[in-house]
Structure formats: C-alpha cells, structure tokens
Protein backbone atom coordinates (compact mmCIF):
# COMPACT_ATOMS: atom_id res chain seq x y z
CA UNK A 1 -81.74 -49.72 77.13
CA UNK A 2 -80.66 -46.47 78.72
CA UNK A 3 -82.73 -43.26 79.51
CA UNK A 4 -81.05 -40.21 80.25
CA UNK A 5 -83.63 -38.31 81.93
CA UNK A 6 -84.32 -35.22 84.40
CA UNK A 7 -87.00 -37.75 86.78
CA UNK A 8 -89.54 -34.79 86.77
CA UNK A 9 -89.87 -34.22 82.93
CA UNK A 10 -93.34 -34.94 81.98
CA UNK A 11 -91.34 -36.02 78.83
CA UNK A 12 -89.86 -38.28 80.69
CA UNK A 13 -92.32 -39.53 82.65
CA UNK A 14 -94.21 -40.59 79.67
CA UNK A 15 -91.49 -42.65 77.90
CA UNK A 16 -91.24 -44.17 81.28
CA UNK A 17 -94.68 -45.46 81.59
CA UNK A 18 -94.46 -46.40 78.04
CA UNK A 19 -91.38 -48.53 78.92
CA UNK A 20 -93.18 -50.24 81.68
CA UNK A 21 -96.82 -51.02 79.74
CA UNK A 22 -94.66 -52.64 77.19
CA UNK A 23 -92.91 -54.74 79.78
CA UNK A 24 -89.25 -53.05 78.83
CA UNK A 25 -86.44 -53.39 80.88
CA UNK A 26 -84.16 -49.91 81.14
CA UNK A 27 -81.81 -48.11 82.85
CA UNK A 28 -82.59 -44.97 83.97
CA UNK A 29 -79.26 -42.57 83.90
CA UNK A 30 -80.28 -39.31 85.95
CA UNK A 31 -78.42 -36.40 84.16
CA UNK A 32 -77.04 -33.71 86.46
CA UNK A 33 -78.47 -30.18 85.78
CA UNK A 34 -75.08 -28.85 85.82
CA UNK A 35 -72.65 -31.74 84.29
CA UNK A 36 -74.58 -33.07 80.70
CA UNK A 37 -70.99 -34.61 79.92
CA UNK A 38 -72.57 -38.09 79.51
CA UNK A 39 -75.34 -37.24 77.36
CA UNK A 40 -73.18 -35.07 75.17
CA UNK A 41 -71.04 -38.00 74.63
CA UNK A 42 -74.54 -40.48 73.96
CA UNK A 43 -76.13 -37.72 71.54
CA UNK A 44 -72.62 -36.28 69.81
CA UNK A 45 -73.58 -33.13 71.52
CA UNK A 46 -76.97 -32.44 72.31
CA UNK A 47 -78.09 -31.47 75.99
CA UNK A 48 -81.64 -31.93 75.49
CA UNK A 49 -83.32 -34.41 77.35
CA UNK A 50 -85.11 -37.64 77.91
CA UNK A 51 -82.63 -39.72 74.90
CA UNK A 52 -83.27 -43.33 74.77
CA UNK A 53 -80.37 -45.13 73.90
CA UNK A 54 -80.95 -49.11 72.20
CA UNK A 55 -77.93 -50.58 71.73
CA UNK A 56 -76.29 -48.46 68.95
CA UNK A 57 -79.91 -46.44 68.64
CA UNK A 58 -79.87 -43.06 69.98
CA UNK A 59 -83.16 -41.32 69.95
CA UNK A 60 -84.05 -38.06 71.04
CA UNK A 61 -87.00 -36.29 71.21
CA UNK A 62 -90.20 -37.89 73.45
CA UNK A 63 -92.57 -38.18 70.46
CA UNK A 64 -89.58 -39.88 68.15
CA UNK A 65 -88.77 -42.00 71.23
CA UNK A 66 -92.51 -43.40 72.10
CA UNK A 67 -92.51 -43.96 67.86
CA UNK A 68 -89.42 -45.95 67.90
CA UNK A 69 -90.89 -48.13 71.03
CA UNK A 70 -93.41 -49.32 68.87
CA UNK A 71 -91.08 -51.90 67.55
CA UNK A 72 -91.67 -53.61 70.64
CA UNK A 73 -95.14 -55.54 71.22
CA UNK A 74 -97.50 -54.41 72.61
CA UNK A 75 -99.16 -51.45 70.86
CA UNK A 76 -99.43 -48.33 72.26
CA UNK A 77 -101.21 -47.16 69.96
CA UNK A 78 -104.21 -48.68 68.83
CA UNK A 79 -105.84 -46.13 67.06
CA UNK A 80 -104.36 -43.02 65.64
CA UNK A 81 -106.65 -40.97 68.43
CA UNK A 82 -103.21 -42.07 71.15
CA UNK A 83 -101.04 -40.47 68.75
CA UNK A 84 -103.22 -37.06 68.94
CA UNK A 85 -103.68 -36.81 72.32
CA UNK A 86 -100.02 -37.04 72.80
CA UNK A 87 -99.20 -34.31 70.84
CA UNK A 88 -101.89 -32.27 72.31
CA UNK A 89 -100.85 -33.13 75.90
CA UNK A 90 -97.05 -32.61 74.50
CA UNK A 91 -98.09 -29.26 73.66
CA UNK A 92 -101.18 -27.58 74.91
CA UNK A 93 -101.24 -29.25 78.26
CA UNK A 94 -97.93 -29.05 78.81
CA UNK A 95 -97.64 -25.19 78.59
CA UNK A 96 -99.76 -24.58 81.57
CA UNK A 97 -99.04 -27.84 83.48
CA UNK A 98 -95.27 -26.52 83.70
CA UNK A 99 -96.32 -23.12 85.03
CA UNK A 100 -98.08 -24.52 87.62
CA UNK A 101 -95.40 -27.14 88.26
CA UNK A 102 -92.25 -24.74 87.44
CA UNK A 103 -91.62 -22.79 90.92
CA UNK A 104 -92.03 -26.11 92.88
CA UNK A 105 -89.51 -27.36 90.78
CA UNK A 106 -87.81 -24.35 91.61
CA UNK A 107 -87.81 -25.40 95.43
CA UNK A 108 -86.77 -29.08 94.93
CA UNK A 109 -84.12 -28.57 92.05
CA UNK A 110 -81.13 -28.29 94.68
CA UNK A 111 -81.98 -31.18 96.61
CA UNK A 112 -83.01 -33.09 93.67
CA UNK A 113 -79.19 -32.44 92.64
CA UNK A 114 -76.90 -33.46 95.63
CA UNK A 115 -78.15 -30.20 97.28
CA UNK A 116 -76.40 -27.91 95.08
CA UNK A 117 -77.44 -24.12 95.22
CA UNK A 118 -76.27 -23.91 91.61
CA UNK A 119 -78.64 -26.19 90.62
CA UNK A 120 -81.52 -23.93 91.56
CA UNK A 121 -79.61 -21.10 89.49
CA UNK A 122 -78.88 -22.66 86.67
CA UNK A 123 -82.69 -23.65 86.53
CA UNK A 124 -83.98 -20.01 86.94
CA UNK A 125 -81.43 -18.87 84.53
CA UNK A 126 -82.66 -20.90 81.95
CA UNK A 127 -86.49 -19.83 82.52
CA UNK A 128 -85.81 -16.33 82.93
CA UNK A 129 -84.23 -16.08 79.63
CA UNK A 130 -87.07 -17.86 77.89
CA UNK A 131 -89.80 -16.40 79.71
CA UNK A 132 -88.27 -13.38 81.33
CA UNK A 133 -87.07 -12.59 85.06
CA UNK A 134 -89.68 -12.85 87.61
CA UNK A 135 -91.23 -15.76 85.81
CA UNK A 136 -91.12 -17.95 88.45
CA UNK A 137 -93.12 -15.73 91.12
CA UNK A 138 -95.29 -14.81 88.77
CA UNK A 139 -96.25 -18.70 87.91
CA UNK A 140 -96.98 -18.73 91.77
CA UNK A 141 -98.59 -15.79 92.34
CA UNK A 142 -101.33 -17.09 89.03
CA UNK A 143 -101.49 -21.04 90.17
CA UNK A 144 -105.24 -21.07 91.12
CA UNK A 145 -106.04 -19.37 87.79
CA UNK A 146 -103.50 -21.79 86.26
CA UNK A 147 -105.14 -25.17 87.97
CA UNK A 148 -108.86 -23.60 86.90
CA UNK A 149 -107.37 -23.83 82.92
CA UNK A 150 -105.60 -26.96 83.35
CA UNK A 151 -109.04 -28.55 84.54
CA UNK A 152 -110.69 -27.13 81.80
CA UNK A 153 -108.28 -28.73 79.22
CA UNK A 154 -108.56 -32.06 80.69
CA UNK A 155 -112.34 -31.85 81.18
CA UNK A 156 -113.12 -34.18 78.04
CA UNK A 157 -110.37 -36.73 79.85
CA UNK A 158 -112.73 -36.61 82.56
CA UNK A 159 -115.69 -37.07 80.99
CA UNK A 160 -113.84 -39.75 79.08
CA UNK A 161 -113.07 -41.91 82.40
CA UNK A 162 -116.63 -41.44 83.58
CA UNK A 163 -116.79 -44.56 81.49
CA UNK A 164 -113.69 -45.71 80.49
CA UNK A 165 -110.85 -47.29 83.06
CA UNK A 166 -108.18 -45.67 80.72
CA UNK A 167 -108.67 -42.94 78.41
CA UNK A 168 -109.51 -44.72 75.25
CA UNK A 169 -111.61 -47.60 76.86
CA UNK A 170 -110.32 -50.49 78.73
CA UNK A 171 -106.57 -51.04 78.13
CA UNK A 172 -104.21 -48.31 79.04
CA UNK A 173 -102.26 -46.49 75.89
CA UNK A 174 -99.89 -43.85 74.80
CA UNK A 175 -102.69 -41.36 75.33
CA UNK A 176 -102.32 -42.26 79.13
CA UNK A 177 -98.84 -42.38 79.25
CA UNK A 178 -98.69 -38.92 77.86
CA UNK A 179 -101.61 -37.43 80.11
CA UNK A 180 -99.86 -38.85 83.03
CA UNK A 181 -96.55 -37.03 82.49
CA UNK A 182 -98.00 -34.24 83.21
CA UNK A 183 -99.49 -34.50 85.94
CA UNK A 184 -96.83 -36.86 87.42
CA UNK A 185 -94.47 -33.62 86.65
CA UNK A 186 -97.29 -31.11 88.91
CA UNK A 187 -97.25 -34.04 91.84
CA UNK A 188 -93.53 -34.70 91.76
CA UNK A 189 -93.04 -30.22 92.31
CA UNK A 190 -96.42 -29.95 94.90
CA UNK A 191 -96.87 -33.47 96.27
CA UNK A 192 -100.75 -33.79 96.91
CA UNK A 193 -102.12 -32.06 93.48
CA UNK A 194 -103.69 -34.63 92.19
CA UNK A 195 -105.46 -35.74 95.12
CA UNK A 196 -107.50 -31.83 94.47
CA UNK A 197 -108.41 -33.12 91.37
CA UNK A 198 -111.76 -34.46 90.25
CA UNK A 199 -112.49 -37.75 91.36
CA UNK A 200 -112.39 -39.67 87.63
CA UNK A 201 -108.86 -38.11 87.22
CA UNK A 202 -107.37 -38.82 90.51
CA UNK A 203 -108.65 -42.30 90.33
CA UNK A 204 -107.40 -42.82 86.75
CA UNK A 205 -104.08 -41.12 87.87
CA UNK A 206 -103.51 -43.65 90.89
CA UNK A 207 -104.86 -46.52 88.09
CA UNK A 208 -102.18 -45.81 85.19
CA UNK A 209 -99.54 -44.97 88.00
CA UNK A 210 -99.94 -48.49 88.87
CA UNK A 211 -100.51 -50.43 85.97
CA UNK A 212 -98.82 -53.25 85.26
CA UNK A 213 -97.01 -54.56 82.06
CA UNK A 214 -99.57 -55.29 79.43
CA UNK A 215 -100.30 -58.80 77.94
CA UNK A 216 -98.11 -59.33 74.99
CA UNK A 217 -100.62 -60.80 72.32
CA UNK A 218 -99.72 -63.62 69.81
C-alpha cells in the first residue's frame, strides 16, 4: 500500500490513523505542493489528496478510502454512528477547523516544501481564489471566535469522553480517527493547541494519537 498525502491534511491524518488501528503497513508518499506528477501518474489526472494505492486499486476521497479499508479486519465501523460522525467531522467540523489552522499552515508550508517560498505563494493563491483576497489574515483575526465555535461543535464529543475512553465506547473507531484528523491539522499548524482544549478532549487526543493496532478477532 501507498498513501499519497499532504502530511498536515486532516483527511490524510484520518486515513493514517485508520491504517494504524488496523495494523496495516503502508508507505507514506508526501506530495510536494508544486510537483504532483507522481500523483497524476497514479490517478490518471487527479491532483487531490489523499489517494490510497493498494496493488492495482487506486482510491481517492478519504470517505471512500476508509470504506475500502473495511475489507481489512478489524472493523472500525462497529455501528452506523461511526460513519455519521465521520461525515459530520469531514464537513461541519472541518469548515471551522481549517479556518483556525490555515494561517499557521501558511506560515509553515514553505519549510514543509524544502524552503520554497513559491509553495507558500501557491497555498495562498489557492485559498484566496476560493475564499477571497485576505482570507488568511481575516481568519487569523477571527481565531478566538473560531476556537469558541469549534469548542461548541465538539461539546457532544467532550461529553461522551467524560465517561468513555473513546467517542463511541471503550475502543477507537472511525469516529475517533475522523475527529482526530481535524485536531491533528490544527495542532500541526499551531503547536500546543490541543493542550488548551477541555481536559476530556485533550486527554482523548493523546490517547488516540498513541493508540496501538486493535486486536484481530476471529
């Protein structure tokens, strides 16, 4: 297996965590911001990450990848709620998490791409074409409000974690991998961010971050 990724991507982090929980060996291929030829060669034209290559199978879009990985035990979807939480995290949580993380990603993206300032320029160009000129500065100014909104969104998760080791019970599932991915992105962009979250969330983040592969049941 190979996973083509941007390391800081919440969707790549989600897939990596699923691979880890399933105990699946996978080569990580970091895609340069300014050179996606290897990705195009694998996908036949798509430049969107993450992409999983498993033998002759090529799967893009992280929900499709996590669904594909269910062919390998153990399951990370013990109940339908795990998939519902994945969709909520990928769409609702991601919208605000990205606004928190993006200014920090902007600051780190050049170093992450071998010191290339044009990688940072490309990141900014892509975001400003979609969200408008000055979006990164606006999101930086709105950080406190965005963090408050994120904490509100995660309040049900926090409440569950007051009694559960993981979001849906005693064992990690796709739900944990999905929410973890969003916080991983922010933590990558703003080191120490997780430590400022309410204790149940911060403790859970470190627990899922270090979680070993799940046992394979007969």
